Amino acid sequence: PSLAALNPSLARMSDMAGCNGEPQKPTKAVSAYWLFSNAAREEVTKELKEQNGGKASFGDIAKTIKMRWEALGEVERKAFEDRAAVDRERSAAGMKALLESSDVAGTLRRKYEDLLPKKPASVYDLFCQAPAVRERAERSLASGGHPLENKHVVSKLAEFWKAASAEEKATFEGQHKQAVAEHARLHKEWMTTPEFAEIEKAQEAQDERRRARAAAETLGEAEGSKGAARARPSRETPKREAGKSVGKPDDTPQAAPAAKRARTSKPEVPPGPLLDARALEEARKIGLETVFRNLASRPEVLAAGKSGDDILVALQKSGGLVNPAKRALLGL
């Protein structure tokens, strides 16, 4: 029998995917034992009731089903395992469709990953990758009787870097500057491609939908608060309200004293973020000044206290895309 025949409710739940025009979160894949249990439960329950005067406890049913599963032949068990494998594929395909529909921009970035300019290696990484430096580290370890394991090589390279002269480091700093300039050139070319435009369009559409949902939720909360306020009965007694109607002085609280108002007033918000001048200059050199200013001014990035260097590195990793860089900075 098919999966739908074994469990019609599961089939209906699976059919819910896409009933509103959008992929829904797929139901969790079921196990082979779950399928067998669902198929055998009715028969087991009937047999137990016949043996126990119409009674069949949940524990006895579960115990009997487990015993029958353990005694099941290899061929019979494989039939259920094959159905479970099909259901796992169904669940995985549904989850893939859900991810692709909910994060179109991310899907496109993965699709065009090979076209994105690769982040240039740091000065330290260039130093460690230099064949001559690595060979020197390995010789030093071998002469000291240490194994040439990666962790020991890495540790020795760190020692060499720490002891390297400014002249030796300058060689790798020059290589790094060249790599950064080349990356900036490639990134500018990338920003003119149709693939980049496709990603940006998809990201903007996602951001717009997110803003629309947030606005709708805020409006719903506001409407709910207004409705609750209108439904709340007045705390004024009839006598007190009558007193107000004939001109008696009411008990309306007077304005708080100036000193008290000063204590409760909110501090002024600064007009904008203070940008790291050095990081900003570095961003300008590699053609990322505009996106650097954009990302550095985001409220969530300001609240996270990220440094200018952190922001610049995130932008370089994302190929100059602001939203992916923001997600990387905030660990989203």
C-alpha atoms as a PDB file:
ATOM      1  CA  PRO A   1       0.000   0.000   0.000  1.00  0.00           C
ATOM      2  CA  SER A   2       1.005   3.594  -0.561  1.00  0.00           C
ATOM      3  CA  LEU A   3       1.928   6.078   2.159  1.00  0.00           C
ATOM      4  CA  ALA A   4      -1.447   7.784   1.695  1.00  0.00           C
ATOM      5  CA  ALA A   5      -3.243   4.467   2.155  1.00  0.00           C
ATOM      6  CA  LEU A   6      -1.315   3.747   5.349  1.00  0.00           C
ATOM      7  CA  ASN A   7      -1.980   7.191   6.775  1.00  0.00           C
ATOM      8  CA  PRO A   8      -4.609   9.363   5.038  1.00  0.00           C
ATOM      9  CA  SER A   9      -4.151  12.159   7.577  1.00  0.00           C
ATOM     10  CA  LEU A  10      -0.467  12.385   6.695  1.00  0.00           C
ATOM     11  CA  ALA A  11      -1.365  12.591   3.010  1.00  0.00           C
ATOM     12  CA  ARG A  12      -3.744  15.459   3.715  1.00  0.00           C
ATOM     13  CA  MET A  13      -1.077  17.273   5.713  1.00  0.00           C
ATOM     14  CA  SER A  14       1.384  16.849   2.851  1.00  0.00           C
ATOM     15  CA  ASP A  15      -1.193  18.156   0.378  1.00  0.00           C
ATOM     16  CA  MET A  16      -1.419  21.381   2.416  1.00  0.00           C
ATOM     17  CA  ALA A  17       1.901  22.420   0.951  1.00  0.00           C
ATOM     18  CA  GLY A  18       1.139  25.013  -1.665  1.00  0.00           C
ATOM     19  CA  CYS A  19      -2.618  25.190  -0.990  1.00  0.00           C
ATOM     20  CA  ASN A  20      -2.326  28.952  -0.477  1.00  0.00           C
ATOM     21  CA  GLY A  21      -0.029  29.455  -3.447  1.00  0.00           C
ATOM     22  CA  GLU A  22       3.208  29.372  -1.428  1.00  0.00           C
ATOM     23  CA  PRO A  23       5.315  26.421  -0.257  1.00  0.00           C
ATOM     24  CA  GLN A  24       4.540  25.508   3.354  1.00  0.00           C
ATOM     25  CA  LYS A  25       6.834  23.894   5.902  1.00  0.00           C
ATOM     26  CA  PRO A  26       6.731  20.179   5.085  1.00  0.00           C
ATOM     27  CA  THR A  27       5.661  17.623   7.647  1.00  0.00           C
ATOM     28  CA  LYS A  28       8.458  15.704   9.316  1.00  0.00           C
ATOM     29  CA  ALA A  29       9.483  12.478   7.599  1.00  0.00           C
ATOM     30  CA  VAL A  30       8.172   9.340   9.313  1.00  0.00           C
ATOM     31  CA  SER A  31      10.218   6.288  10.245  1.00  0.00           C
ATOM     32  CA  ALA A  32       9.764   2.739   9.006  1.00  0.00           C
ATOM     33  CA  TYR A  33       8.657   1.660  12.499  1.00  0.00           C
ATOM     34  CA  TRP A  34       6.064   4.457  12.596  1.00  0.00           C
ATOM     35  CA  LEU A  35       4.609   3.272   9.282  1.00  0.00           C
ATOM     36  CA  PHE A  36       4.469  -0.320  10.499  1.00  0.00           C
ATOM     37  CA  SER A  37       2.909   0.751  13.787  1.00  0.00           C
ATOM     38  CA  ASN A  38       0.241   2.751  11.990  1.00  0.00           C
ATOM     39  CA  ALA A  39      -0.527  -0.178   9.670  1.00  0.00           C
ATOM     40  CA  ALA A  40      -0.663  -2.797  12.442  1.00  0.00           C
ATOM     41  CA  ARG A  41      -2.444  -0.821  15.189  1.00  0.00           C
ATOM     42  CA  GLU A  42      -6.027  -1.562  14.151  1.00  0.00           C
ATOM     43  CA  GLU A  43      -5.456  -5.305  13.885  1.00  0.00           C
ATOM     44  CA  VAL A  44      -3.500  -5.467  17.154  1.00  0.00           C
ATOM     45  CA  THR A  45      -6.163  -3.470  18.996  1.00  0.00           C
ATOM     46  CA  LYS A  46      -8.916  -5.785  17.731  1.00  0.00           C
ATOM     47  CA  GLU A  47      -7.022  -8.921  18.804  1.00  0.00           C
ATOM     48  CA  LEU A  48      -6.292  -7.572  22.289  1.00  0.00           C
ATOM     49  CA  LYS A  49      -9.926  -6.613  22.820  1.00  0.00           C
ATOM     50  CA  GLU A  50     -11.040 -10.112  21.845  1.00  0.00           C
ATOM     51  CA  GLN A  51      -8.569 -11.597  24.321  1.00  0.00           C
ATOM     52  CA  ASN A  52      -9.358  -9.220  27.204  1.00  0.00           C
ATOM     53  CA  GLY A  53     -13.117  -8.837  27.174  1.00  0.00           C
ATOM     54  CA  GLY A  54     -13.234  -5.726  25.011  1.00  0.00           C
ATOM     55  CA  LYS A  55     -10.325  -3.955  26.706  1.00  0.00           C
ATOM     56  CA  ALA A  56      -6.994  -2.911  25.127  1.00  0.00           C
ATOM     57  CA  SER A  57      -4.699  -0.485  26.956  1.00  0.00           C
ATOM     58  CA  PHE A  58      -2.362   1.837  25.121  1.00  0.00           C
ATOM     59  CA  GLY A  59       0.660   0.204  26.783  1.00  0.00           C
ATOM     60  CA  ASP A  60      -0.377  -3.312  25.704  1.00  0.00           C
ATOM     61  CA  ILE A  61      -0.971  -2.139  22.137  1.00  0.00           C
ATOM     62  CA  ALA A  62       2.460  -0.460  21.942  1.00  0.00           C
ATOM     63  CA  LYS A  63       4.198  -3.487  23.488  1.00  0.00           C
ATOM     64  CA  THR A  64       2.552  -5.909  21.052  1.00  0.00           C
ATOM     65  CA  ILE A  65       3.371  -3.744  18.030  1.00  0.00           C
ATOM     66  CA  LYS A  66       7.013  -3.526  19.117  1.00  0.00           C
ATOM     67  CA  MET A  67       7.237  -7.300  19.496  1.00  0.00           C
ATOM     68  CA  ARG A  68       5.784  -7.837  16.030  1.00  0.00           C
ATOM     69  CA  TRP A  69       8.193  -5.295  14.529  1.00  0.00           C
ATOM     70  CA  GLU A  70      11.167  -7.066  16.076  1.00  0.00           C
ATOM     71  CA  ALA A  71       9.923 -10.401  14.729  1.00  0.00           C
ATOM     72  CA  LEU A  72       9.300  -9.014  11.246  1.00  0.00           C
ATOM     73  CA  GLY A  73      11.185 -10.682   8.388  1.00  0.00           C
ATOM     74  CA  GLU A  74      13.878  -8.837   6.443  1.00  0.00           C
ATOM     75  CA  VAL A  75      11.828  -8.612   3.249  1.00  0.00           C
ATOM     76  CA  GLU A  76       8.714  -7.339   5.045  1.00  0.00           C
ATOM     77  CA  ARG A  77      10.726  -4.820   7.033  1.00  0.00           C
ATOM     78  CA  LYS A  78      12.443  -3.552   3.889  1.00  0.00           C
ATOM     79  CA  ALA A  79       9.056  -2.673   2.393  1.00  0.00           C
ATOM     80  CA  PHE A  80       8.425  -0.237   5.245  1.00  0.00           C
ATOM     81  CA  GLU A  81      11.988   1.086   5.109  1.00  0.00           C
ATOM     82  CA  ASP A  82      11.588   1.828   1.391  1.00  0.00           C
ATOM     83  CA  ARG A  83       8.389   3.789   2.080  1.00  0.00           C
ATOM     84  CA  ALA A  84      10.170   5.714   4.832  1.00  0.00           C
ATOM     85  CA  ALA A  85      12.984   6.568   2.404  1.00  0.00           C
ATOM     86  CA  VAL A  86      10.432   7.944  -0.074  1.00  0.00           C
ATOM     87  CA  ASP A  87       8.901  10.071   2.680  1.00  0.00           C
ATOM     88  CA  ARG A  88      12.328  11.428   3.662  1.00  0.00           C
ATOM     89  CA  GLU A  89      12.842  12.533   0.063  1.00  0.00           C
ATOM     90  CA  ARG A  90       9.420  14.183   0.107  1.00  0.00           C
ATOM     91  CA  SER A  91      10.228  16.087   3.296  1.00  0.00           C
ATOM     92  CA  ALA A  92      13.685  17.131   2.047  1.00  0.00           C
ATOM     93  CA  ALA A  93      12.259  18.357  -1.272  1.00  0.00           C
ATOM     94  CA  GLY A  94       9.585  20.336   0.567  1.00  0.00           C
ATOM     95  CA  MET A  95      12.150  21.952   2.849  1.00  0.00           C
ATOM     96  CA  LYS A  96      14.330  22.861  -0.131  1.00  0.00           C
ATOM     97  CA  ALA A  97      11.360  24.490  -1.877  1.00  0.00           C
ATOM     98  CA  LEU A  98      10.502  26.370   1.317  1.00  0.00           C
ATOM     99  CA  LEU A  99      14.041  27.714   1.719  1.00  0.00           C
ATOM    100  CA  GLU A 100      14.253  28.733  -1.926  1.00  0.00           C
ATOM    101  CA  SER A 101      10.945  30.590  -1.765  1.00  0.00           C
ATOM    102  CA  SER A 102      11.623  32.313   1.561  1.00  0.00           C
ATOM    103  CA  ASP A 103      15.203  33.335   0.718  1.00  0.00           C
ATOM    104  CA  VAL A 104      15.347  33.869  -3.023  1.00  0.00           C
ATOM    105  CA  ALA A 105      18.346  36.192  -2.716  1.00  0.00           C
ATOM    106  CA  GLY A 106      20.296  33.622  -0.690  1.00  0.00           C
ATOM    107  CA  THR A 107      19.463  30.927  -3.221  1.00  0.00           C
ATOM    108  CA  LEU A 108      20.758  33.138  -6.018  1.00  0.00           C
ATOM    109  CA  ARG A 109      23.972  33.882  -4.119  1.00  0.00           C
ATOM    110  CA  ARG A 110      24.631  30.175  -3.767  1.00  0.00           C
ATOM    111  CA  LYS A 111      23.821  29.706  -7.447  1.00  0.00           C
ATOM    112  CA  TYR A 112      26.275  32.415  -8.531  1.00  0.00           C
ATOM    113  CA  GLU A 113      28.864  31.706  -5.848  1.00  0.00           C
ATOM    114  CA  ASP A 114      31.567  30.974  -8.422  1.00  0.00           C
ATOM    115  CA  LEU A 115      31.054  34.425  -9.976  1.00  0.00           C
ATOM    116  CA  LEU A 116      31.511  36.369  -6.728  1.00  0.00           C
ATOM    117  CA  PRO A 117      34.964  37.946  -6.323  1.00  0.00           C
ATOM    118  CA  LYS A 118      36.847  36.075  -3.610  1.00  0.00           C
ATOM    119  CA  LYS A 119      37.986  37.995  -0.552  1.00  0.00           C
ATOM    120  CA  PRO A 120      41.747  38.684  -0.683  1.00  0.00           C
ATOM    121  CA  ALA A 121      43.912  36.895   1.852  1.00  0.00           C
ATOM    122  CA  SER A 122      45.139  38.896   4.830  1.00  0.00           C
ATOM    123  CA  VAL A 123      48.803  39.876   5.240  1.00  0.00           C
ATOM    124  CA  TYR A 124      49.253  37.155   7.854  1.00  0.00           C
ATOM    125  CA  ASP A 125      47.607  34.517   5.645  1.00  0.00           C
ATOM    126  CA  LEU A 126      49.890  35.455   2.741  1.00  0.00           C
ATOM    127  CA  PHE A 127      52.875  35.076   5.052  1.00  0.00           C
ATOM    128  CA  CYS A 128      51.729  31.616   6.220  1.00  0.00           C
ATOM    129  CA  GLN A 129      50.940  30.464   2.684  1.00  0.00           C
ATOM    130  CA  ALA A 130      54.370  31.375   1.337  1.00  0.00           C
ATOM    131  CA  PRO A 131      56.132  28.088   0.445  1.00  0.00           C
ATOM    132  CA  ALA A 132      59.517  29.280   1.714  1.00  0.00           C
ATOM    133  CA  VAL A 133      58.064  30.260   5.100  1.00  0.00           C
ATOM    134  CA  ARG A 134      56.219  26.941   5.488  1.00  0.00           C
ATOM    135  CA  GLU A 135      59.310  24.947   4.579  1.00  0.00           C
ATOM    136  CA  ARG A 136      61.311  26.884   7.178  1.00  0.00           C
ATOM    137  CA  ALA A 137      58.667  26.105   9.810  1.00  0.00           C
ATOM    138  CA  GLU A 138      58.692  22.399   8.959  1.00  0.00           C
ATOM    139  CA  ARG A 139      62.491  22.250   9.077  1.00  0.00           C
ATOM    140  CA  SER A 140      62.465  23.932  12.473  1.00  0.00           C
ATOM    141  CA  LEU A 141      59.953  21.406  13.814  1.00  0.00           C
ATOM    142  CA  ALA A 142      61.828  18.445  12.374  1.00  0.00           C
ATOM    143  CA  SER A 143      65.133  19.578  13.859  1.00  0.00           C
ATOM    144  CA  GLY A 144      63.466  19.849  17.266  1.00  0.00           C
ATOM    145  CA  GLY A 145      61.989  16.377  17.016  1.00  0.00           C
ATOM    146  CA  HIS A 146      58.383  17.612  16.792  1.00  0.00           C
ATOM    147  CA  PRO A 147      55.802  15.913  14.566  1.00  0.00           C
ATOM    148  CA  LEU A 148      54.811  17.790  11.422  1.00  0.00           C
ATOM    149  CA  GLU A 149      51.147  17.970  12.407  1.00  0.00           C
ATOM    150  CA  ASN A 150      49.164  20.954  11.209  1.00  0.00           C
ATOM    151  CA  LYS A 151      48.630  22.386  14.702  1.00  0.00           C
ATOM    152  CA  HIS A 152      52.408  22.426  15.313  1.00  0.00           C
ATOM    153  CA  VAL A 153      53.082  24.003  11.906  1.00  0.00           C
ATOM    154  CA  VAL A 154      50.489  26.708  12.576  1.00  0.00           C
ATOM    155  CA  SER A 155      52.001  27.426  15.974  1.00  0.00           C
ATOM    156  CA  LYS A 156      55.506  27.696  14.486  1.00  0.00           C
ATOM    157  CA  LEU A 157      54.275  30.029  11.738  1.00  0.00           C
ATOM    158  CA  ALA A 158      52.760  32.291  14.392  1.00  0.00           C
ATOM    159  CA  GLU A 159      56.152  32.420  16.125  1.00  0.00           C
ATOM    160  CA  PHE A 160      57.886  33.327  12.872  1.00  0.00           C
ATOM    161  CA  TRP A 161      55.347  36.088  12.165  1.00  0.00           C
ATOM    162  CA  LYS A 162      55.811  37.546  15.607  1.00  0.00           C
ATOM    163  CA  ALA A 163      59.576  37.601  15.137  1.00  0.00           C
ATOM    164  CA  ALA A 164      59.495  38.836  11.522  1.00  0.00           C
ATOM    165  CA  SER A 165      61.085  42.208  10.815  1.00  0.00           C
ATOM    166  CA  ALA A 166      59.158  45.162   9.407  1.00  0.00           C
ATOM    167  CA  GLU A 167      61.058  44.752   6.134  1.00  0.00           C
ATOM    168  CA  GLU A 168      60.017  41.098   5.822  1.00  0.00           C
ATOM    169  CA  LYS A 169      56.370  41.927   6.608  1.00  0.00           C
ATOM    170  CA  ALA A 170      56.420  44.790   4.101  1.00  0.00           C
ATOM    171  CA  THR A 171      56.753  42.262   1.262  1.00  0.00           C
ATOM    172  CA  PHE A 172      53.499  40.590   2.206  1.00  0.00           C
ATOM    173  CA  GLU A 173      51.783  43.898   2.943  1.00  0.00           C
ATOM    174  CA  GLY A 174      52.566  44.953  -0.618  1.00  0.00           C
ATOM    175  CA  GLN A 175      51.089  41.704  -1.957  1.00  0.00           C
ATOM    176  CA  HIS A 176      47.985  42.290   0.152  1.00  0.00           C
ATOM    177  CA  LYS A 177      47.468  45.811  -1.185  1.00  0.00           C
ATOM    178  CA  GLN A 178      47.709  44.526  -4.731  1.00  0.00           C
ATOM    179  CA  ALA A 179      45.184  41.781  -3.953  1.00  0.00           C
ATOM    180  CA  VAL A 180      42.789  44.309  -2.375  1.00  0.00           C
ATOM    181  CA  ALA A 181      43.029  46.579  -5.395  1.00  0.00           C
ATOM    182  CA  GLU A 182      42.372  43.637  -7.724  1.00  0.00           C
ATOM    183  CA  HIS A 183      39.403  42.575  -5.599  1.00  0.00           C
ATOM    184  CA  ALA A 184      37.969  46.095  -5.791  1.00  0.00           C
ATOM    185  CA  ARG A 185      38.334  46.060  -9.573  1.00  0.00           C
ATOM    186  CA  LEU A 186      36.642  42.676  -9.871  1.00  0.00           C
ATOM    187  CA  HIS A 187      33.890  43.761  -7.512  1.00  0.00           C
ATOM    188  CA  LYS A 188      33.113  46.820  -9.619  1.00  0.00           C
ATOM    189  CA  GLU A 189      32.869  44.564 -12.650  1.00  0.00           C
ATOM    190  CA  TRP A 190      30.642  42.152 -10.696  1.00  0.00           C
ATOM    191  CA  MET A 191      28.269  44.996  -9.778  1.00  0.00           C
ATOM    192  CA  THR A 192      27.623  45.616 -13.488  1.00  0.00           C
ATOM    193  CA  THR A 193      26.569  42.019 -14.212  1.00  0.00           C
ATOM    194  CA  PRO A 194      22.950  40.875 -14.641  1.00  0.00           C
ATOM    195  CA  GLU A 195      23.513  38.278 -11.922  1.00  0.00           C
ATOM    196  CA  PHE A 196      24.334  40.995  -9.372  1.00  0.00           C
ATOM    197  CA  ALA A 197      21.253  42.968 -10.427  1.00  0.00           C
ATOM    198  CA  GLU A 198      19.123  39.833 -10.061  1.00  0.00           C
ATOM    199  CA  ILE A 199      20.376  39.255  -6.515  1.00  0.00           C
ATOM    200  CA  GLU A 200      19.847  42.893  -5.527  1.00  0.00           C
ATOM    201  CA  LYS A 201      16.319  42.886  -6.937  1.00  0.00           C
ATOM    202  CA  ALA A 202      15.459  39.708  -5.050  1.00  0.00           C
ATOM    203  CA  GLN A 203      16.963  41.080  -1.825  1.00  0.00           C
ATOM    204  CA  GLU A 204      15.029  44.329  -2.122  1.00  0.00           C
ATOM    205  CA  ALA A 205      11.801  42.395  -2.688  1.00  0.00           C
ATOM    206  CA  GLN A 206      12.483  40.302   0.415  1.00  0.00           C
ATOM    207  CA  ASP A 207      13.245  43.393   2.473  1.00  0.00           C
ATOM    208  CA  GLU A 208      10.064  45.056   1.230  1.00  0.00           C
ATOM    209  CA  ARG A 209       7.961  42.035   2.218  1.00  0.00           C
ATOM    210  CA  ARG A 210       9.630  41.986   5.626  1.00  0.00           C
ATOM    211  CA  ARG A 211       8.917  45.680   6.150  1.00  0.00           C
ATOM    212  CA  ALA A 212       5.318  45.195   5.038  1.00  0.00           C
ATOM    213  CA  ARG A 213       4.828  42.331   7.494  1.00  0.00           C
ATOM    214  CA  ALA A 214       6.364  44.365  10.314  1.00  0.00           C
ATOM    215  CA  ALA A 215       4.133  47.342   9.487  1.00  0.00           C
ATOM    216  CA  ALA A 216       1.048  45.124   9.383  1.00  0.00           C
ATOM    217  CA  GLU A 217       1.920  43.590  12.752  1.00  0.00           C
ATOM    218  CA  THR A 218       2.496  47.034  14.272  1.00  0.00           C
ATOM    219  CA  LEU A 219      -0.820  48.275  12.874  1.00  0.00           C
ATOM    220  CA  GLY A 220      -2.616  45.213  14.203  1.00  0.00           C
ATOM    221  CA  GLU A 221      -1.142  45.737  17.676  1.00  0.00           C
ATOM    222  CA  ALA A 222      -2.130  49.409  17.601  1.00  0.00           C
ATOM    223  CA  GLU A 223      -5.699  48.600  16.526  1.00  0.00           C
ATOM    224  CA  GLY A 224      -5.915  45.973  19.250  1.00  0.00           C
ATOM    225  CA  SER A 225      -4.786  48.485  21.879  1.00  0.00           C
ATOM    226  CA  LYS A 226      -7.349  51.049  20.675  1.00  0.00           C
ATOM    227  CA  GLY A 227     -10.120  48.457  20.777  1.00  0.00           C
ATOM    228  CA  ALA A 228      -9.190  47.430  24.302  1.00  0.00           C
ATOM    229  CA  ALA A 229      -9.152  51.080  25.410  1.00  0.00           C
ATOM    230  CA  ARG A 230     -12.612  51.675  23.917  1.00  0.00           C
ATOM    231  CA  ALA A 231     -13.994  48.544  25.559  1.00  0.00           C
ATOM    232  CA  ARG A 232     -12.544  49.400  28.981  1.00  0.00           C
ATOM    233  CA  PRO A 233     -15.321  50.758  31.283  1.00  0.00           C
ATOM    234  CA  SER A 234     -14.918  54.188  32.890  1.00  0.00           C
ATOM    235  CA  ARG A 235     -13.607  54.196  36.429  1.00  0.00           C
ATOM    236  CA  GLU A 236     -15.575  57.359  37.251  1.00  0.00           C
ATOM    237  CA  THR A 237     -18.553  56.869  39.594  1.00  0.00           C
ATOM    238  CA  PRO A 238     -21.884  58.385  38.522  1.00  0.00           C
ATOM    239  CA  LYS A 239     -21.748  60.803  41.466  1.00  0.00           C
ATOM    240  CA  ARG A 240     -18.299  61.998  40.489  1.00  0.00           C
ATOM    241  CA  GLU A 241     -19.291  62.402  36.847  1.00  0.00           C
ATOM    242  CA  ALA A 242     -22.374  64.373  37.952  1.00  0.00           C
ATOM    243  CA  GLY A 243     -20.178  66.616  40.060  1.00  0.00           C
ATOM    244  CA  LYS A 244     -18.074  67.369  36.999  1.00  0.00           C
ATOM    245  CA  SER A 245     -21.186  68.269  35.000  1.00  0.00           C
ATOM    246  CA  VAL A 246     -22.221  71.074  37.431  1.00  0.00           C
ATOM    247  CA  GLY A 247     -18.847  72.669  37.446  1.00  0.00           C
ATOM    248  CA  LYS A 248     -17.300  71.139  40.531  1.00  0.00           C
ATOM    249  CA  PRO A 249     -13.560  70.981  40.484  1.00  0.00           C
ATOM    250  CA  ASP A 250     -12.357  67.600  39.282  1.00  0.00           C
ATOM    251  CA  ASP A 251      -9.437  65.540  40.477  1.00  0.00           C
ATOM    252  CA  THR A 252      -7.495  65.698  37.229  1.00  0.00           C
ATOM    253  CA  PRO A 253      -3.786  65.447  38.102  1.00  0.00           C
ATOM    254  CA  GLN A 254      -1.862  68.633  37.485  1.00  0.00           C
ATOM    255  CA  ALA A 255       1.199  68.703  35.286  1.00  0.00           C
ATOM    256  CA  ALA A 256       4.292  67.233  36.882  1.00  0.00           C
ATOM    257  CA  PRO A 257       6.852  69.691  38.257  1.00  0.00           C
ATOM    258  CA  ALA A 258       9.582  70.773  35.887  1.00  0.00           C
ATOM    259  CA  ALA A 259      12.229  68.877  37.826  1.00  0.00           C
ATOM    260  CA  LYS A 260      10.230  65.652  37.598  1.00  0.00           C
ATOM    261  CA  ARG A 261       9.598  66.136  33.887  1.00  0.00           C
ATOM    262  CA  ALA A 262      13.314  66.623  33.385  1.00  0.00           C
ATOM    263  CA  ARG A 263      14.067  63.321  35.116  1.00  0.00           C
ATOM    264  CA  THR A 264      11.658  61.352  32.967  1.00  0.00           C
ATOM    265  CA  SER A 265      12.570  62.928  29.620  1.00  0.00           C
ATOM    266  CA  LYS A 266      14.439  60.716  27.170  1.00  0.00           C
ATOM    267  CA  PRO A 267      17.996  61.576  26.199  1.00  0.00           C
ATOM    268  CA  GLU A 268      18.491  63.054  22.782  1.00  0.00           C
ATOM    269  CA  VAL A 269      19.554  60.634  20.071  1.00  0.00           C
ATOM    270  CA  PRO A 270      22.806  61.597  18.354  1.00  0.00           C
ATOM    271  CA  PRO A 271      22.323  62.713  14.729  1.00  0.00           C
ATOM    272  CA  GLY A 272      24.265  59.815  13.233  1.00  0.00           C
ATOM    273  CA  PRO A 273      26.989  57.183  13.753  1.00  0.00           C
ATOM    274  CA  LEU A 274      30.611  58.116  14.291  1.00  0.00           C
ATOM    275  CA  LEU A 275      32.474  56.380  11.502  1.00  0.00           C
ATOM    276  CA  ASP A 276      35.937  54.924  11.911  1.00  0.00           C
ATOM    277  CA  ALA A 277      37.999  57.307   9.774  1.00  0.00           C
ATOM    278  CA  ARG A 278      40.728  54.771   9.057  1.00  0.00           C
ATOM    279  CA  ALA A 279      38.282  52.023   8.088  1.00  0.00           C
ATOM    280  CA  LEU A 280      36.291  54.514   6.008  1.00  0.00           C
ATOM    281  CA  GLU A 281      39.427  55.528   4.114  1.00  0.00           C
ATOM    282  CA  GLU A 282      40.259  51.856   3.500  1.00  0.00           C
ATOM    283  CA  ALA A 283      36.723  51.294   2.217  1.00  0.00           C
ATOM    284  CA  ARG A 284      37.090  54.296  -0.098  1.00  0.00           C
ATOM    285  CA  LYS A 285      40.297  52.848  -1.560  1.00  0.00           C
ATOM    286  CA  ILE A 286      38.633  49.573  -2.494  1.00  0.00           C
ATOM    287  CA  GLY A 287      35.410  51.152  -3.776  1.00  0.00           C
ATOM    288  CA  LEU A 288      33.192  50.225  -0.812  1.00  0.00           C
ATOM    289  CA  GLU A 289      32.705  53.658   0.780  1.00  0.00           C
ATOM    290  CA  THR A 290      28.975  53.940  -0.020  1.00  0.00           C
ATOM    291  CA  VAL A 291      28.039  50.484   1.227  1.00  0.00           C
ATOM    292  CA  PHE A 292      30.328  50.947   4.255  1.00  0.00           C
ATOM    293  CA  ARG A 293      28.455  54.101   5.267  1.00  0.00           C
ATOM    294  CA  ASN A 294      25.150  52.339   4.650  1.00  0.00           C
ATOM    295  CA  LEU A 295      25.974  49.328   6.811  1.00  0.00           C
ATOM    296  CA  ALA A 296      27.668  51.357   9.567  1.00  0.00           C
ATOM    297  CA  SER A 297      24.534  53.485   9.954  1.00  0.00           C
ATOM    298  CA  ARG A 298      22.144  50.548  10.437  1.00  0.00           C
ATOM    299  CA  PRO A 299      20.597  50.728  13.962  1.00  0.00           C
ATOM    300  CA  GLU A 300      21.160  47.034  14.683  1.00  0.00           C
ATOM    301  CA  VAL A 301      24.839  47.296  13.710  1.00  0.00           C
ATOM    302  CA  LEU A 302      25.247  50.383  15.922  1.00  0.00           C
ATOM    303  CA  ALA A 303      23.555  48.589  18.798  1.00  0.00           C
ATOM    304  CA  ALA A 304      25.900  45.609  18.375  1.00  0.00           C
ATOM    305  CA  GLY A 305      28.926  47.935  18.752  1.00  0.00           C
ATOM    306  CA  LYS A 306      30.750  46.547  15.718  1.00  0.00           C
ATOM    307  CA  SER A 307      34.043  48.214  14.814  1.00  0.00           C
ATOM    308  CA  GLY A 308      34.843  49.737  11.448  1.00  0.00           C
ATOM    309  CA  ASP A 309      37.250  46.880  10.716  1.00  0.00           C
ATOM    310  CA  ASP A 310      34.522  44.302  11.448  1.00  0.00           C
ATOM    311  CA  ILE A 311      32.137  46.086   9.105  1.00  0.00           C
ATOM    312  CA  LEU A 312      34.716  46.347   6.312  1.00  0.00           C
ATOM    313  CA  VAL A 313      35.688  42.667   6.581  1.00  0.00           C
ATOM    314  CA  ALA A 314      32.025  41.631   6.466  1.00  0.00           C
ATOM    315  CA  LEU A 315      31.470  43.712   3.321  1.00  0.00           C
ATOM    316  CA  GLN A 316      34.518  42.227   1.641  1.00  0.00           C
ATOM    317  CA  LYS A 317      33.327  38.698   2.444  1.00  0.00           C
ATOM    318  CA  SER A 318      29.854  39.416   1.055  1.00  0.00           C
ATOM    319  CA  GLY A 319      31.184  40.964  -2.145  1.00  0.00           C
ATOM    320  CA  GLY A 320      29.890  44.401  -1.202  1.00  0.00           C
ATOM    321  CA  LEU A 321      26.330  43.262  -0.469  1.00  0.00           C
ATOM    322  CA  VAL A 322      24.976  45.128   2.555  1.00  0.00           C
ATOM    323  CA  ASN A 323      22.298  42.738   3.793  1.00  0.00           C
ATOM    324  CA  PRO A 324      24.460  39.576   3.749  1.00  0.00           C
ATOM    325  CA  ALA A 325      27.231  41.540   5.502  1.00  0.00           C
ATOM    326  CA  LYS A 326      24.751  42.696   8.150  1.00  0.00           C
ATOM    327  CA  ARG A 327      23.545  39.130   8.729  1.00  0.00           C
ATOM    328  CA  ALA A 328      27.128  37.922   9.079  1.00  0.00           C
ATOM    329  CA  LEU A 329      27.951  40.693  11.585  1.00  0.00           C
ATOM    330  CA  LEU A 330      24.904  39.959  13.726  1.00  0.00           C
ATOM    331  CA  GLY A 331      25.226  36.172  13.441  1.00  0.00           C
ATOM    332  CA  LEU A 332      21.825  35.776  11.784  1.00  0.00           C
END
